C-alpha cells in the first residue's frame, strides 16, 4: 500500500499540462462524484420520478412519504 501511495503521489506531483489544474488517479473522478451525490442526492427527471412513484404504489408503498 505504501509503495502504491508513494507512486500516486509522485505522479500527482508531475508538471501539469497547459489548461489543467491537477492530476487525477484512475477512479478518482468517480469517487468524487459518488461522494458528492451521497451528500447532495441525485437529480431525477419528472418522467422517471413519476414512473418510480407509480411502481412504488404497485408494491404497496406510499410515495407521498418519500423525501424529495
N, C-alpha and C. Protein backbone atom coordinates (compact mmCIF):
# COMPACT_ATOMS: atom_id res chain seq x y z
N UNK A 1 0.83 -1.20 0.00
CA UNK A 1 0.00 0.00 0.00
C UNK A 1 0.87 1.26 0.00
N UNK A 2 1.89 1.26 0.83
CA UNK A 2 2.75 2.44 0.93
C UNK A 2 3.46 2.72 -0.39
N UNK A 3 3.89 1.66 -1.08
CA UNK A 3 4.57 1.84 -2.36
C UNK A 3 3.62 2.41 -3.42
N UNK A 4 2.40 1.92 -3.45
CA UNK A 4 1.42 2.43 -4.42
C UNK A 4 1.10 3.88 -4.09
N UNK A 5 0.89 4.18 -2.82
CA UNK A 5 0.59 5.56 -2.42
C UNK A 5 1.75 6.49 -2.80
N UNK A 6 2.96 6.03 -2.61
CA UNK A 6 4.14 6.81 -2.98
C UNK A 6 4.17 7.07 -4.48
N UNK A 7 3.85 6.04 -5.27
CA UNK A 7 3.83 6.19 -6.73
C UNK A 7 2.76 7.18 -7.15
N UNK A 8 1.58 7.08 -6.57
CA UNK A 8 0.48 8.01 -6.90
C UNK A 8 0.89 9.44 -6.58
N UNK A 9 1.48 9.66 -5.42
CA UNK A 9 1.92 11.00 -5.04
C UNK A 9 3.01 11.51 -5.98
N UNK A 10 3.90 10.64 -6.40
CA UNK A 10 4.94 11.03 -7.35
C UNK A 10 4.31 11.47 -8.68
N UNK A 11 3.38 10.68 -9.17
CA UNK A 11 2.71 11.02 -10.43
C UNK A 11 1.95 12.33 -10.28
N UNK A 12 1.24 12.51 -9.18
CA UNK A 12 0.46 13.72 -8.96
C UNK A 12 1.33 14.97 -8.80
N UNK A 13 2.59 14.78 -8.46
CA UNK A 13 3.49 15.92 -8.31
C UNK A 13 4.13 16.33 -9.64
N UNK A 14 3.78 15.64 -10.70
CA UNK A 14 4.34 15.96 -12.02
C UNK A 14 3.84 17.32 -12.49
N UNK A 15 4.57 17.88 -13.45
CA UNK A 15 4.19 19.16 -14.04
C UNK A 15 2.87 18.99 -14.78
N UNK A 16 1.99 19.96 -14.64
CA UNK A 16 0.67 19.90 -15.26
C UNK A 16 0.74 20.33 -16.72
N UNK A 17 -0.08 19.72 -17.53
CA UNK A 17 -0.22 20.14 -18.92
C UNK A 17 -0.99 21.46 -18.94
N UNK A 18 -0.75 22.29 -19.95
CA UNK A 18 -1.48 23.56 -20.04
C UNK A 18 -2.99 23.33 -20.02
N UNK A 19 -3.68 24.13 -19.23
CA UNK A 19 -5.13 24.04 -19.15
C UNK A 19 -5.65 23.09 -18.07
N UNK A 20 -4.75 22.43 -17.35
CA UNK A 20 -5.17 21.50 -16.30
C UNK A 20 -4.75 22.05 -14.94
N UNK A 21 -5.54 21.71 -13.91
CA UNK A 21 -5.26 22.21 -12.57
C UNK A 21 -4.79 21.12 -11.61
N UNK A 22 -4.95 19.85 -12.01
CA UNK A 22 -4.47 18.76 -11.16
C UNK A 22 -4.41 17.47 -11.96
N UNK A 23 -3.70 16.51 -11.41
CA UNK A 23 -3.60 15.18 -11.99
C UNK A 23 -4.44 14.25 -11.14
N UNK A 24 -5.30 13.49 -11.78
CA UNK A 24 -6.17 12.57 -11.06
C UNK A 24 -5.75 11.13 -11.32
N UNK A 25 -5.85 10.31 -10.29
CA UNK A 25 -5.57 8.89 -10.41
C UNK A 25 -6.81 8.18 -10.95
N UNK A 26 -6.65 7.02 -11.55
CA UNK A 26 -7.81 6.27 -12.04
C UNK A 26 -8.81 6.03 -10.91
N UNK A 27 -10.07 6.30 -11.20
CA UNK A 27 -11.14 6.12 -10.22
C UNK A 27 -11.42 7.34 -9.37
N UNK A 28 -10.50 8.29 -9.35
CA UNK A 28 -10.67 9.47 -8.50
C UNK A 28 -11.87 10.33 -8.90
N UNK A 29 -12.09 10.58 -10.21
CA UNK A 29 -13.28 11.37 -10.57
C UNK A 29 -14.58 10.67 -10.15
N UNK A 30 -14.63 9.35 -10.31
CA UNK A 30 -15.82 8.60 -9.93
C UNK A 30 -16.03 8.63 -8.42
N UNK A 31 -14.96 8.52 -7.66
CA UNK A 31 -15.06 8.58 -6.20
C UNK A 31 -15.59 9.94 -5.76
N UNK A 32 -15.08 10.99 -6.37
CA UNK A 32 -15.54 12.35 -6.01
C UNK A 32 -17.01 12.53 -6.36
N UNK A 33 -17.39 12.04 -7.53
CA UNK A 33 -18.78 12.15 -7.96
C UNK A 33 -19.71 11.40 -7.01
N UNK A 34 -19.33 10.19 -6.62
CA UNK A 34 -20.14 9.40 -5.70
C UNK A 34 -20.27 10.09 -4.35
N UNK A 35 -19.18 10.67 -3.86
CA UNK A 35 -19.21 11.37 -2.58
C UNK A 35 -20.13 12.58 -2.66
N UNK A 36 -20.07 13.31 -3.77
CA UNK A 36 -20.93 14.49 -3.95
C UNK A 36 -22.40 14.07 -4.01
N UNK A 37 -22.70 12.99 -4.73
CA UNK A 37 -24.08 12.53 -4.84
C UNK A 37 -24.61 12.03 -3.50
N UNK A 38 -23.72 11.46 -2.68
CA UNK A 38 -24.14 11.00 -1.36
C UNK A 38 -24.58 12.18 -0.49
N UNK A 39 -23.93 13.30 -0.67
CA UNK A 39 -24.25 14.50 0.11
C UNK A 39 -25.46 15.22 -0.48
N UNK A 40 -25.44 15.44 -1.80
CA UNK A 40 -26.45 16.27 -2.45
C UNK A 40 -27.63 15.50 -3.02
N UNK A 41 -27.50 14.18 -3.15
CA UNK A 41 -28.53 13.39 -3.80
C UNK A 41 -28.32 13.38 -5.30
N UNK A 42 -29.25 12.77 -6.01
CA UNK A 42 -29.16 12.72 -7.47
C UNK A 42 -30.38 13.37 -8.07
N UNK A 43 -30.23 13.94 -9.25
CA UNK A 43 -31.35 14.54 -9.96
C UNK A 43 -32.07 13.48 -10.77
N UNK A 44 -33.39 13.46 -10.65
CA UNK A 44 -34.22 12.54 -11.43
C UNK A 44 -35.26 13.39 -12.15
N UNK A 45 -35.37 13.18 -13.46
CA UNK A 45 -36.35 13.95 -14.23
C UNK A 45 -37.76 13.56 -13.80
N UNK A 46 -38.73 14.44 -14.10
CA UNK A 46 -40.10 14.24 -13.64
C UNK A 46 -40.73 12.97 -14.17
N UNK A 47 -40.43 12.61 -15.41
CA UNK A 47 -41.00 11.40 -16.01
C UNK A 47 -40.51 10.16 -15.26
N UNK A 48 -39.21 10.11 -14.99
CA UNK A 48 -38.66 8.96 -14.26
C UNK A 48 -39.20 8.90 -12.84
N UNK A 49 -39.29 10.07 -12.19
CA UNK A 49 -39.80 10.10 -10.82
C UNK A 49 -41.24 9.61 -10.78
N UNK A 50 -42.05 10.01 -11.75
CA UNK A 50 -43.44 9.57 -11.81
C UNK A 50 -43.51 8.06 -11.97
N UNK A 51 -42.63 7.49 -12.80
CA UNK A 51 -42.60 6.04 -13.01
C UNK A 51 -42.18 5.33 -11.72
N UNK A 52 -41.21 5.88 -11.01
CA UNK A 52 -40.76 5.30 -9.74
C UNK A 52 -41.90 5.31 -8.73
N UNK A 53 -42.60 6.43 -8.63
CA UNK A 53 -43.72 6.54 -7.70
C UNK A 53 -44.83 5.57 -8.06
N UNK A 54 -45.11 5.43 -9.34
CA UNK A 54 -46.14 4.51 -9.80
C UNK A 54 -45.79 3.07 -9.41
N UNK A 55 -44.56 2.68 -9.64
CA UNK A 55 -44.13 1.33 -9.26
C UNK A 55 -44.14 1.15 -7.75
N UNK A 56 -43.81 2.21 -7.02
CA UNK A 56 -43.88 2.14 -5.57
C UNK A 56 -45.30 1.86 -5.10
N UNK A 57 -46.27 2.50 -5.72
CA UNK A 57 -47.67 2.27 -5.37
C UNK A 57 -48.07 0.83 -5.67
N UNK A 58 -47.61 0.30 -6.80
CA UNK A 58 -47.91 -1.09 -7.16
C UNK A 58 -47.39 -2.03 -6.07
N UNK A 59 -46.28 -1.67 -5.47
CA UNK A 59 -45.68 -2.50 -4.43
C UNK A 59 -46.23 -2.21 -3.02
N UNK A 60 -47.22 -1.31 -2.97
CA UNK A 60 -47.83 -1.01 -1.68
C UNK A 60 -47.13 0.07 -0.88
N UNK A 61 -46.25 0.82 -1.53
CA UNK A 61 -45.54 1.90 -0.84
C UNK A 61 -46.29 3.21 -1.00
N UNK A 62 -46.01 4.16 -0.13
CA UNK A 62 -46.65 5.48 -0.19
C UNK A 62 -45.60 6.51 -0.61
N UNK A 63 -45.55 6.83 -1.91
CA UNK A 63 -44.56 7.81 -2.37
C UNK A 63 -44.71 9.18 -1.73
N UNK A 64 -45.86 9.48 -1.19
CA UNK A 64 -46.06 10.77 -0.52
C UNK A 64 -45.18 10.92 0.72
N UNK A 65 -44.69 9.81 1.26
CA UNK A 65 -43.83 9.85 2.43
C UNK A 65 -42.36 9.94 2.08
N UNK A 66 -42.04 9.84 0.79
CA UNK A 66 -40.64 9.86 0.38
C UNK A 66 -40.10 11.28 0.37
N UNK A 67 -38.90 11.42 0.82
CA UNK A 67 -38.26 12.72 0.84
C UNK A 67 -37.88 13.12 -0.59
N UNK A 68 -38.21 14.34 -0.96
CA UNK A 68 -37.92 14.82 -2.32
C UNK A 68 -36.88 15.91 -2.25
